[in-house]
Amino acid sequence: MDLIKLREIHAINKSKKHRLLDNCFLYSCTVLTCTLFCSSPFWFPSLFHSMKLFLFVSLPKLCSLLLSPKFIFIVGNLIIVVLVGESKYFTSSSPSATDALL
């Protein structure tokens, strides 16, 4: 093999090793972060209590509010108003004579 081919092969191998180290570092950080997050109730009991309160009390109340028929009706009407406002239905620009000549 010539020198150029050997350098290309060496560069490819070096790139693969570098990519492998980057992936290994990324996965290690992800595992560490997930482990710390999942074990946080053991070293922050107040955080665990707050999370439990939010998940089992506040979130169901919020979901029942957001899924109520009155709220869905209001959101649906707002969407219709925005779509009609964005459409060209209420614009009064008619093609003028100068536009027709151009």
PDB file of N, CA and C in Angstrom:
ATOM      1  N   MET A   1       0.827  -1.187   0.000  1.00  0.00           N
ATOM      2  CA  MET A   1       0.000   0.000   0.000  1.00  0.00           C
ATOM      3  C   MET A   1       0.869   1.247   0.000  1.00  0.00           C
ATOM      4  N   ASP A   2       0.311   2.263  -0.558  1.00  0.00           N
ATOM      5  CA  ASP A   2       1.074   3.500  -0.566  1.00  0.00           C
ATOM      6  C   ASP A   2       0.811   4.285   0.724  1.00  0.00           C
ATOM      7  N   LEU A   3       1.557   5.330   0.881  1.00  0.00           N
ATOM      8  CA  LEU A   3       1.539   6.113   2.114  1.00  0.00           C
ATOM      9  C   LEU A   3       0.198   6.819   2.318  1.00  0.00           C
ATOM     10  N   ILE A   4      -0.424   7.270   1.245  1.00  0.00           N
ATOM     11  CA  ILE A   4      -1.698   7.989   1.356  1.00  0.00           C
ATOM     12  C   ILE A   4      -2.787   7.059   1.883  1.00  0.00           C
ATOM     13  N   LYS A   5      -2.841   5.827   1.368  1.00  0.00           N
ATOM     14  CA  LYS A   5      -3.830   4.854   1.828  1.00  0.00           C
ATOM     15  C   LYS A   5      -3.623   4.534   3.303  1.00  0.00           C
ATOM     16  N   LEU A   6      -2.369   4.374   3.714  1.00  0.00           N
ATOM     17  CA  LEU A   6      -2.080   4.079   5.117  1.00  0.00           C
ATOM     18  C   LEU A   6      -2.522   5.229   6.030  1.00  0.00           C
ATOM     19  N   ARG A   7      -2.310   6.451   5.599  1.00  0.00           N
ATOM     20  CA  ARG A   7      -2.739   7.601   6.389  1.00  0.00           C
ATOM     21  C   ARG A   7      -4.257   7.668   6.472  1.00  0.00           C
ATOM     22  N   GLU A   8      -4.964   7.357   5.376  1.00  0.00           N
ATOM     23  CA  GLU A   8      -6.430   7.355   5.390  1.00  0.00           C
ATOM     24  C   GLU A   8      -6.955   6.309   6.366  1.00  0.00           C
ATOM     25  N   ILE A   9      -6.379   5.117   6.316  1.00  0.00           N
ATOM     26  CA  ILE A   9      -6.813   4.040   7.211  1.00  0.00           C
ATOM     27  C   ILE A   9      -6.538   4.413   8.663  1.00  0.00           C
ATOM     28  N   HIS A  10      -5.384   5.001   8.918  1.00  0.00           N
ATOM     29  CA  HIS A  10      -5.040   5.429  10.268  1.00  0.00           C
ATOM     30  C   HIS A  10      -6.012   6.514  10.754  1.00  0.00           C
ATOM     31  N   ALA A  11      -6.352   7.450   9.884  1.00  0.00           N
ATOM     32  CA  ALA A  11      -7.280   8.527  10.257  1.00  0.00           C
ATOM     33  C   ALA A  11      -8.675   7.970  10.532  1.00  0.00           C
ATOM     34  N   ILE A  12      -9.130   7.013   9.745  1.00  0.00           N
ATOM     35  CA  ILE A  12     -10.446   6.401   9.951  1.00  0.00           C
ATOM     36  C   ILE A  12     -10.483   5.660  11.282  1.00  0.00           C
ATOM     37  N   ASN A  13      -9.445   4.889  11.572  1.00  0.00           N
ATOM     38  CA  ASN A  13      -9.394   4.165  12.840  1.00  0.00           C
ATOM     39  C   ASN A  13      -9.360   5.113  14.034  1.00  0.00           C
ATOM     40  N   LYS A  14      -8.596   6.191  13.902  1.00  0.00           N
ATOM     41  CA  LYS A  14      -8.519   7.171  14.971  1.00  0.00           C
ATOM     42  C   LYS A  14      -9.879   7.842  15.180  1.00  0.00           C
ATOM     43  N   SER A  15     -10.592   8.121  14.079  1.00  0.00           N
ATOM     44  CA  SER A  15     -11.916   8.727  14.159  1.00  0.00           C
ATOM     45  C   SER A  15     -12.904   7.786  14.840  1.00  0.00           C
ATOM     46  N   LYS A  16     -12.831   6.492  14.526  1.00  0.00           N
ATOM     47  CA  LYS A  16     -13.719   5.505  15.137  1.00  0.00           C
ATOM     48  C   LYS A  16     -13.465   5.405  16.634  1.00  0.00           C
ATOM     49  N   LYS A  17     -12.194   5.415  17.035  1.00  0.00           N
ATOM     50  CA  LYS A  17     -11.862   5.354  18.460  1.00  0.00           C
ATOM     51  C   LYS A  17     -12.365   6.593  19.183  1.00  0.00           C
ATOM     52  N   HIS A  18     -12.198   7.759  18.539  1.00  0.00           N
ATOM     53  CA  HIS A  18     -12.648   9.009  19.135  1.00  0.00           C
ATOM     54  C   HIS A  18     -14.168   9.003  19.289  1.00  0.00           C
ATOM     55  N   ARG A  19     -14.889   8.519  18.265  1.00  0.00           N
ATOM     56  CA  ARG A  19     -16.346   8.443  18.300  1.00  0.00           C
ATOM     57  C   ARG A  19     -16.807   7.476  19.385  1.00  0.00           C
ATOM     58  N   LEU A  20     -16.090   6.358  19.542  1.00  0.00           N
ATOM     59  CA  LEU A  20     -16.433   5.387  20.573  1.00  0.00           C
ATOM     60  C   LEU A  20     -16.264   5.990  21.969  1.00  0.00           C
ATOM     61  N   LEU A  21     -15.193   6.749  22.170  1.00  0.00           N
ATOM     62  CA  LEU A  21     -14.987   7.405  23.461  1.00  0.00           C
ATOM     63  C   LEU A  21     -16.066   8.452  23.731  1.00  0.00           C
ATOM     64  N   ASP A  22     -16.452   9.208  22.714  1.00  0.00           N
ATOM     65  CA  ASP A  22     -17.514  10.196  22.880  1.00  0.00           C
ATOM     66  C   ASP A  22     -18.828   9.527  23.260  1.00  0.00           C
ATOM     67  N   ASN A  23     -19.174   8.424  22.559  1.00  0.00           N
ATOM     68  CA  ASN A  23     -20.408   7.713  22.873  1.00  0.00           C
ATOM     69  C   ASN A  23     -20.362   7.118  24.274  1.00  0.00           C
ATOM     70  N   CYS A  24     -19.232   6.569  24.651  1.00  0.00           N
ATOM     71  CA  CYS A  24     -19.084   5.988  25.987  1.00  0.00           C
ATOM     72  C   CYS A  24     -19.253   7.065  27.061  1.00  0.00           C
ATOM     73  N   PHE A  25     -18.668   8.218  26.857  1.00  0.00           N
ATOM     74  CA  PHE A  25     -18.811   9.328  27.794  1.00  0.00           C
ATOM     75  C   PHE A  25     -20.258   9.796  27.884  1.00  0.00           C
ATOM     76  N   LEU A  26     -20.929   9.916  26.737  1.00  0.00           N
ATOM     77  CA  LEU A  26     -22.318  10.353  26.710  1.00  0.00           C
ATOM     78  C   LEU A  26     -23.217   9.359  27.440  1.00  0.00           C
ATOM     79  N   TYR A  27     -23.038   8.073  27.180  1.00  0.00           N
ATOM     80  CA  TYR A  27     -23.865   7.058  27.831  1.00  0.00           C
ATOM     81  C   TYR A  27     -23.586   7.000  29.331  1.00  0.00           C
ATOM     82  N   SER A  28     -22.349   7.185  29.723  1.00  0.00           N
ATOM     83  CA  SER A  28     -22.008   7.189  31.148  1.00  0.00           C
ATOM     84  C   SER A  28     -22.673   8.363  31.866  1.00  0.00           C
ATOM     85  N   CYS A  29     -22.643   9.518  31.249  1.00  0.00           N
ATOM     86  CA  CYS A  29     -23.300  10.684  31.850  1.00  0.00           C
ATOM     87  C   CYS A  29     -24.806  10.488  31.935  1.00  0.00           C
ATOM     88  N   THR A  30     -25.390   9.886  30.922  1.00  0.00           N
ATOM     89  CA  THR A  30     -26.831   9.629  30.932  1.00  0.00           C
ATOM     90  C   THR A  30     -27.201   8.666  32.048  1.00  0.00           C
ATOM     91  N   VAL A  31     -26.431   7.595  32.203  1.00  0.00           N
ATOM     92  CA  VAL A  31     -26.703   6.620  33.265  1.00  0.00           C
ATOM     93  C   VAL A  31     -26.538   7.264  34.633  1.00  0.00           C
ATOM     94  N   LEU A  32     -25.520   8.049  34.809  1.00  0.00           N
ATOM     95  CA  LEU A  32     -25.294   8.715  36.084  1.00  0.00           C
ATOM     96  C   LEU A  32     -26.431   9.677  36.417  1.00  0.00           C
ATOM     97  N   THR A  33     -26.870  10.450  35.451  1.00  0.00           N
ATOM     98  CA  THR A  33     -27.955  11.397  35.668  1.00  0.00           C
ATOM     99  C   THR A  33     -29.253  10.670  36.026  1.00  0.00           C
ATOM    100  N   CYS A  34     -29.573   9.616  35.288  1.00  0.00           N
ATOM    101  CA  CYS A  34     -30.791   8.852  35.579  1.00  0.00           C
ATOM    102  C   CYS A  34     -30.720   8.200  36.954  1.00  0.00           C
ATOM    103  N   THR A  35     -29.573   7.693  37.313  1.00  0.00           N
ATOM    104  CA  THR A  35     -29.412   7.070  38.626  1.00  0.00           C
ATOM    105  C   THR A  35     -29.591   8.093  39.740  1.00  0.00           C
ATOM    106  N   LEU A  36     -28.995   9.263  39.574  1.00  0.00           N
ATOM    107  CA  LEU A  36     -29.154  10.308  40.590  1.00  0.00           C
ATOM    108  C   LEU A  36     -30.603  10.773  40.691  1.00  0.00           C
ATOM    109  N   PHE A  37     -31.265  10.918  39.559  1.00  0.00           N
ATOM    110  CA  PHE A  37     -32.655  11.356  39.576  1.00  0.00           C
ATOM    111  C   PHE A  37     -33.561  10.317  40.230  1.00  0.00           C
ATOM    112  N   CYS A  38     -33.350   9.057  39.902  1.00  0.00           N
ATOM    113  CA  CYS A  38     -34.201   8.002  40.459  1.00  0.00           C
ATOM    114  C   CYS A  38     -33.926   7.756  41.941  1.00  0.00           C
ATOM    115  N   SER A  39     -32.725   8.035  42.390  1.00  0.00           N
ATOM    116  CA  SER A  39     -32.418   7.822  43.804  1.00  0.00           C
ATOM    117  C   SER A  39     -32.633   9.077  44.640  1.00  0.00           C
ATOM    118  N   SER A  40     -33.040  10.171  44.045  1.00  0.00           N
ATOM    119  CA  SER A  40     -33.212  11.419  44.786  1.00  0.00           C
ATOM    120  C   SER A  40     -34.248  11.344  45.895  1.00  0.00           C
ATOM    121  N   PRO A  41     -35.329  10.551  45.796  1.00  0.00           N
ATOM    122  CA  PRO A  41     -36.262  10.485  46.931  1.00  0.00           C
ATOM    123  C   PRO A  41     -35.614   9.970  48.211  1.00  0.00           C
ATOM    124  N   PHE A  42     -34.549   9.207  48.100  1.00  0.00           N
ATOM    125  CA  PHE A  42     -33.903   8.673  49.292  1.00  0.00           C
ATOM    126  C   PHE A  42     -33.086   9.726  50.036  1.00  0.00           C
ATOM    127  N   TRP A  43     -32.527  10.692  49.327  1.00  0.00           N
ATOM    128  CA  TRP A  43     -31.737  11.697  50.009  1.00  0.00           C
ATOM    129  C   TRP A  43     -32.411  13.059  50.034  1.00  0.00           C
ATOM    130  N   PHE A  44     -33.629  13.180  49.436  1.00  0.00           N
ATOM    131  CA  PHE A  44     -34.454  14.380  49.557  1.00  0.00           C
ATOM    132  C   PHE A  44     -35.889  13.966  49.851  1.00  0.00           C
ATOM    133  N   PRO A  45     -36.214  13.612  51.086  1.00  0.00           N
ATOM    134  CA  PRO A  45     -37.590  13.177  51.383  1.00  0.00           C
ATOM    135  C   PRO A  45     -38.633  14.258  51.104  1.00  0.00           C
ATOM    136  N   SER A  46     -38.271  15.516  51.297  1.00  0.00           N
ATOM    137  CA  SER A  46     -39.231  16.593  51.021  1.00  0.00           C
ATOM    138  C   SER A  46     -39.532  16.677  49.526  1.00  0.00           C
ATOM    139  N   LEU A  47     -38.511  16.441  48.701  1.00  0.00           N
ATOM    140  CA  LEU A  47     -38.729  16.432  47.257  1.00  0.00           C
ATOM    141  C   LEU A  47     -39.640  15.267  46.871  1.00  0.00           C
ATOM    142  N   PHE A  48     -39.460  14.125  47.506  1.00  0.00           N
ATOM    143  CA  PHE A  48     -40.301  12.970  47.246  1.00  0.00           C
ATOM    144  C   PHE A  48     -41.753  13.273  47.620  1.00  0.00           C
ATOM    145  N   HIS A  49     -41.953  13.908  48.755  1.00  0.00           N
ATOM    146  CA  HIS A  49     -43.309  14.258  49.186  1.00  0.00           C
ATOM    147  C   HIS A  49     -43.933  15.269  48.220  1.00  0.00           C
ATOM    148  N   SER A  50     -43.159  16.250  47.785  1.00  0.00           N
ATOM    149  CA  SER A  50     -43.671  17.254  46.845  1.00  0.00           C
ATOM    150  C   SER A  50     -44.021  16.627  45.500  1.00  0.00           C
ATOM    151  N   MET A  51     -43.159  15.713  45.033  1.00  0.00           N
ATOM    152  CA  MET A  51     -43.442  15.033  43.771  1.00  0.00           C
ATOM    153  C   MET A  51     -44.714  14.201  43.876  1.00  0.00           C
ATOM    154  N   LYS A  52     -44.872  13.492  45.005  1.00  0.00           N
ATOM    155  CA  LYS A  52     -46.050  12.662  45.208  1.00  0.00           C
ATOM    156  C   LYS A  52     -47.305  13.530  45.257  1.00  0.00           C
ATOM    157  N   LEU A  53     -47.236  14.668  45.924  1.00  0.00           N
ATOM    158  CA  LEU A  53     -48.354  15.591  45.998  1.00  0.00           C
ATOM    159  C   LEU A  53     -48.717  16.113  44.617  1.00  0.00           C
ATOM    160  N   PHE A  54     -47.706  16.474  43.829  1.00  0.00           N
ATOM    161  CA  PHE A  54     -47.970  16.989  42.485  1.00  0.00           C
ATOM    162  C   PHE A  54     -48.572  15.915  41.583  1.00  0.00           C
ATOM    163  N   LEU A  55     -48.006  14.710  41.598  1.00  0.00           N
ATOM    164  CA  LEU A  55     -48.453  13.660  40.687  1.00  0.00           C
ATOM    165  C   LEU A  55     -49.823  13.102  41.033  1.00  0.00           C
ATOM    166  N   PHE A  56     -50.146  13.017  42.315  1.00  0.00           N
ATOM    167  CA  PHE A  56     -51.384  12.347  42.697  1.00  0.00           C
ATOM    168  C   PHE A  56     -52.504  13.284  43.123  1.00  0.00           C
ATOM    169  N   VAL A  57     -52.209  14.576  43.323  1.00  0.00           N
ATOM    170  CA  VAL A  57     -53.258  15.504  43.732  1.00  0.00           C
ATOM    171  C   VAL A  57     -53.424  16.627  42.710  1.00  0.00           C
ATOM    172  N   SER A  58     -52.348  17.365  42.435  1.00  0.00           N
ATOM    173  CA  SER A  58     -52.457  18.545  41.574  1.00  0.00           C
ATOM    174  C   SER A  58     -52.651  18.183  40.111  1.00  0.00           C
ATOM    175  N   LEU A  59     -51.930  17.202  39.625  1.00  0.00           N
ATOM    176  CA  LEU A  59     -52.020  16.845  38.213  1.00  0.00           C
ATOM    177  C   LEU A  59     -53.396  16.325  37.826  1.00  0.00           C
ATOM    178  N   PRO A  60     -54.048  15.455  38.600  1.00  0.00           N
ATOM    179  CA  PRO A  60     -55.412  15.041  38.229  1.00  0.00           C
ATOM    180  C   PRO A  60     -56.407  16.193  38.230  1.00  0.00           C
ATOM    181  N   LYS A  61     -56.246  17.142  39.174  1.00  0.00           N
ATOM    182  CA  LYS A  61     -57.139  18.305  39.173  1.00  0.00           C
ATOM    183  C   LYS A  61     -56.935  19.144  37.912  1.00  0.00           C
ATOM    184  N   LEU A  62     -55.678  19.313  37.523  1.00  0.00           N
ATOM    185  CA  LEU A  62     -55.374  20.084  36.320  1.00  0.00           C
ATOM    186  C   LEU A  62     -55.904  19.388  35.071  1.00  0.00           C
ATOM    187  N   CYS A  63     -55.752  18.060  35.008  1.00  0.00           N
ATOM    188  CA  CYS A  63     -56.251  17.312  33.857  1.00  0.00           C
ATOM    189  C   CYS A  63     -57.762  17.388  33.762  1.00  0.00           C
ATOM    190  N   SER A  64     -58.445  17.305  34.901  1.00  0.00           N
ATOM    191  CA  SER A  64     -59.905  17.387  34.864  1.00  0.00           C
ATOM    192  C   SER A  64     -60.352  18.778  34.434  1.00  0.00           C
ATOM    193  N   LEU A  65     -59.597  19.802  34.795  1.00  0.00           N
ATOM    194  CA  LEU A  65     -59.923  21.157  34.353  1.00  0.00           C
ATOM    195  C   LEU A  65     -59.711  21.303  32.850  1.00  0.00           C
ATOM    196  N   LEU A  66     -58.579  20.791  32.342  1.00  0.00           N
ATOM    197  CA  LEU A  66     -58.261  20.944  30.924  1.00  0.00           C
ATOM    198  C   LEU A  66     -59.152  20.095  30.024  1.00  0.00           C
ATOM    199  N   LEU A  67     -59.721  19.027  30.546  1.00  0.00           N
ATOM    200  CA  LEU A  67     -60.575  18.163  29.736  1.00  0.00           C
ATOM    201  C   LEU A  67     -62.054  18.428  29.960  1.00  0.00           C
ATOM    202  N   SER A  68     -62.393  19.506  30.642  1.00  0.00           N
ATOM    203  CA  SER A  68     -63.798  19.846  30.850  1.00  0.00           C
ATOM    204  C   SER A  68     -64.392  20.365  29.541  1.00  0.00           C
ATOM    205  N   PRO A  69     -65.687  20.144  29.326  1.00  0.00           N
ATOM    206  CA  PRO A  69     -66.318  20.585  28.076  1.00  0.00           C
ATOM    207  C   PRO A  69     -66.247  22.092  27.852  1.00  0.00           C
ATOM    208  N   LYS A  70     -66.342  22.871  28.927  1.00  0.00           N
ATOM    209  CA  LYS A  70     -66.297  24.333  28.779  1.00  0.00           C
ATOM    210  C   LYS A  70     -64.929  24.781  28.265  1.00  0.00           C
ATOM    211  N   PHE A  71     -63.853  24.215  28.817  1.00  0.00           N
ATOM    212  CA  PHE A  71     -62.508  24.594  28.397  1.00  0.00           C
ATOM    213  C   PHE A  71     -62.247  24.178  26.951  1.00  0.00           C
ATOM    214  N   ILE A  72     -62.675  22.979  26.584  1.00  0.00           N
ATOM    215  CA  ILE A  72     -62.492  22.505  25.206  1.00  0.00           C
ATOM    216  C   ILE A  72     -63.275  23.381  24.236  1.00  0.00           C
ATOM    217  N   PHE A  73     -64.480  23.814  24.625  1.00  0.00           N
ATOM    218  CA  PHE A  73     -65.285  24.708  23.791  1.00  0.00           C
ATOM    219  C   PHE A  73     -64.572  26.038  23.575  1.00  0.00           C
ATOM    220  N   ILE A  74     -64.020  26.600  24.659  1.00  0.00           N
ATOM    221  CA  ILE A  74     -63.314  27.889  24.548  1.00  0.00           C
ATOM    222  C   ILE A  74     -62.074  27.757  23.669  1.00  0.00           C
ATOM    223  N   VAL A  75     -61.292  26.715  23.858  1.00  0.00           N
ATOM    224  CA  VAL A  75     -60.082  26.519  23.055  1.00  0.00           C
ATOM    225  C   VAL A  75     -60.449  26.303  21.582  1.00  0.00           C
ATOM    226  N   GLY A  76     -61.494  25.519  21.318  1.00  0.00           N
ATOM    227  CA  GLY A  76     -61.934  25.301  19.940  1.00  0.00           C
ATOM    228  C   GLY A  76     -62.349  26.591  19.265  1.00  0.00           C
ATOM    229  N   ASN A  77     -63.095  27.431  19.991  1.00  0.00           N
ATOM    230  CA  ASN A  77     -63.501  28.715  19.412  1.00  0.00           C
ATOM    231  C   ASN A  77     -62.309  29.638  19.192  1.00  0.00           C
ATOM    232  N   LEU A  78     -61.337  29.608  20.086  1.00  0.00           N
ATOM    233  CA  LEU A  78     -60.135  30.426  19.877  1.00  0.00           C
ATOM    234  C   LEU A  78     -59.368  29.984  18.633  1.00  0.00           C
ATOM    235  N   ILE A  79     -59.300  28.685  18.423  1.00  0.00           N
ATOM    236  CA  ILE A  79     -58.629  28.177  17.225  1.00  0.00           C
ATOM    237  C   ILE A  79     -59.354  28.649  15.968  1.00  0.00           C
ATOM    238  N   ILE A  80     -60.665  28.604  15.983  1.00  0.00           N
ATOM    239  CA  ILE A  80     -61.450  29.053  14.826  1.00  0.00           C
ATOM    240  C   ILE A  80     -61.236  30.542  14.587  1.00  0.00           C
ATOM    241  N   VAL A  81     -61.240  31.340  15.647  1.00  0.00           N
ATOM    242  CA  VAL A  81     -61.033  32.787  15.504  1.00  0.00           C
ATOM    243  C   VAL A  81     -59.661  33.068  14.909  1.00  0.00           C
ATOM    244  N   VAL A  82     -58.633  32.363  15.364  1.00  0.00           N
ATOM    245  CA  VAL A  82     -57.283  32.575  14.836  1.00  0.00           C
ATOM    246  C   VAL A  82     -57.216  32.170  13.371  1.00  0.00           C
ATOM    247  N   LEU A  83     -57.815  31.042  13.020  1.00  0.00           N
ATOM    248  CA  LEU A  83     -57.782  30.601  11.625  1.00  0.00           C
ATOM    249  C   LEU A  83     -58.532  31.553  10.706  1.00  0.00           C
ATOM    250  N   VAL A  84     -59.672  32.051  11.142  1.00  0.00           N
ATOM    251  CA  VAL A  84     -60.427  33.007  10.321  1.00  0.00           C
ATOM    252  C   VAL A  84     -59.655  34.316  10.213  1.00  0.00           C
ATOM    253  N   GLY A  85     -59.020  34.740  11.311  1.00  0.00           N
ATOM    254  CA  GLY A  85     -58.229  35.969  11.282  1.00  0.00           C
ATOM    255  C   GLY A  85     -57.027  35.860  10.364  1.00  0.00           C
ATOM    256  N   GLU A  86     -56.435  34.679  10.276  1.00  0.00           N
ATOM    257  CA  GLU A  86     -55.277  34.482   9.410  1.00  0.00           C
ATOM    258  C   GLU A  86     -55.669  34.291   7.951  1.00  0.00           C
ATOM    259  N   SER A  87     -56.894  33.923   7.716  1.00  0.00           N
ATOM    260  CA  SER A  87     -57.304  33.679   6.328  1.00  0.00           C
ATOM    261  C   SER A  87     -57.490  35.004   5.599  1.00  0.00           C
ATOM    262  N   LYS A  88     -57.691  34.935   4.324  1.00  0.00           N
ATOM    263  CA  LYS A  88     -57.851  36.136   3.505  1.00  0.00           C
ATOM    264  C   LYS A  88     -59.329  36.490   3.342  1.00  0.00           C
ATOM    265  N   TYR A  89     -60.189  35.920   4.195  1.00  0.00           N
ATOM    266  CA  TYR A  89     -61.623  36.123   4.064  1.00  0.00           C
ATOM    267  C   TYR A  89     -62.021  37.562   4.356  1.00  0.00           C
ATOM    268  N   PHE A  90     -61.427  38.170   5.367  1.00  0.00           N
ATOM    269  CA  PHE A  90     -61.819  39.512   5.755  1.00  0.00           C
ATOM    270  C   PHE A  90     -60.934  40.603   5.154  1.00  0.00           C
ATOM    271  N   THR A  91     -59.987  40.266   4.349  1.00  0.00           N
ATOM    272  CA  THR A  91     -59.157  41.307   3.743  1.00  0.00           C
ATOM    273  C   THR A  91     -59.892  41.917   2.569  1.00  0.00           C
ATOM    274  N   SER A  92     -59.763  43.205   2.433  1.00  0.00           N
ATOM    275  CA  SER A  92     -60.522  43.912   1.376  1.00  0.00           C
ATOM    276  C   SER A  92     -59.598  44.367   0.246  1.00  0.00           C
ATOM    277  N   SER A  93     -58.531  43.670   0.025  1.00  0.00           N
ATOM    278  CA  SER A  93     -57.635  44.087  -1.043  1.00  0.00           C
ATOM    279  C   SER A  93     -58.064  43.409  -2.342  1.00  0.00           C
ATOM    280  N   SER A  94     -58.602  44.215  -3.227  1.00  0.00           N
ATOM    281  CA  SER A  94     -58.991  43.690  -4.534  1.00  0.00           C
ATOM    282  C   SER A  94     -57.928  44.113  -5.552  1.00  0.00           C
ATOM    283  N   PRO A  95     -57.738  43.334  -6.571  1.00  0.00           N
ATOM    284  CA  PRO A  95     -56.706  43.717  -7.552  1.00  0.00           C
ATOM    285  C   PRO A  95     -57.081  45.019  -8.234  1.00  0.00           C
ATOM    286  N   SER A  96     -56.180  45.975  -8.206  1.00  0.00           N
ATOM    287  CA  SER A  96     -56.441  47.270  -8.812  1.00  0.00           C
ATOM    288  C   SER A  96     -56.063  47.247 -10.289  1.00  0.00           C
ATOM    289  N   ALA A  97     -56.368  48.320 -10.956  1.00  0.00           N
ATOM    290  CA  ALA A  97     -56.102  48.415 -12.386  1.00  0.00           C
ATOM    291  C   ALA A  97     -54.595  48.429 -12.670  1.00  0.00           C
ATOM    292  N   THR A  98     -53.819  49.018 -11.762  1.00  0.00           N
ATOM    293  CA  THR A  98     -52.385  49.079 -11.988  1.00  0.00           C
ATOM    294  C   THR A  98     -51.759  47.683 -11.854  1.00  0.00           C
ATOM    295  N   ASP A  99     -52.289  46.832 -10.961  1.00  0.00           N
ATOM    296  CA  ASP A  99     -51.790  45.485 -10.838  1.00  0.00           C
ATOM    297  C   ASP A  99     -52.120  44.646 -12.064  1.00  0.00           C
ATOM    298  N   ALA A 100     -53.270  44.932 -12.671  1.00  0.00           N
ATOM    299  CA  ALA A 100     -53.681  44.164 -13.838  1.00  0.00           C
ATOM    300  C   ALA A 100     -52.802  44.487 -15.049  1.00  0.00           C
ATOM    301  N   LEU A 101     -52.311  45.729 -15.126  1.00  0.00           N
ATOM    302  CA  LEU A 101     -51.477  46.124 -16.244  1.00  0.00           C
ATOM    303  C   LEU A 101     -50.071  45.576 -16.112  1.00  0.00           C
ATOM    304  N   LEU A 102     -49.611  45.324 -14.909  1.00  0.00           N
ATOM    305  CA  LEU A 102     -48.247  44.825 -14.707  1.00  0.00           C
ATOM    306  C   LEU A 102     -48.247  43.397 -14.959  1.00  0.00           C
TER     307      LEU A 102
END
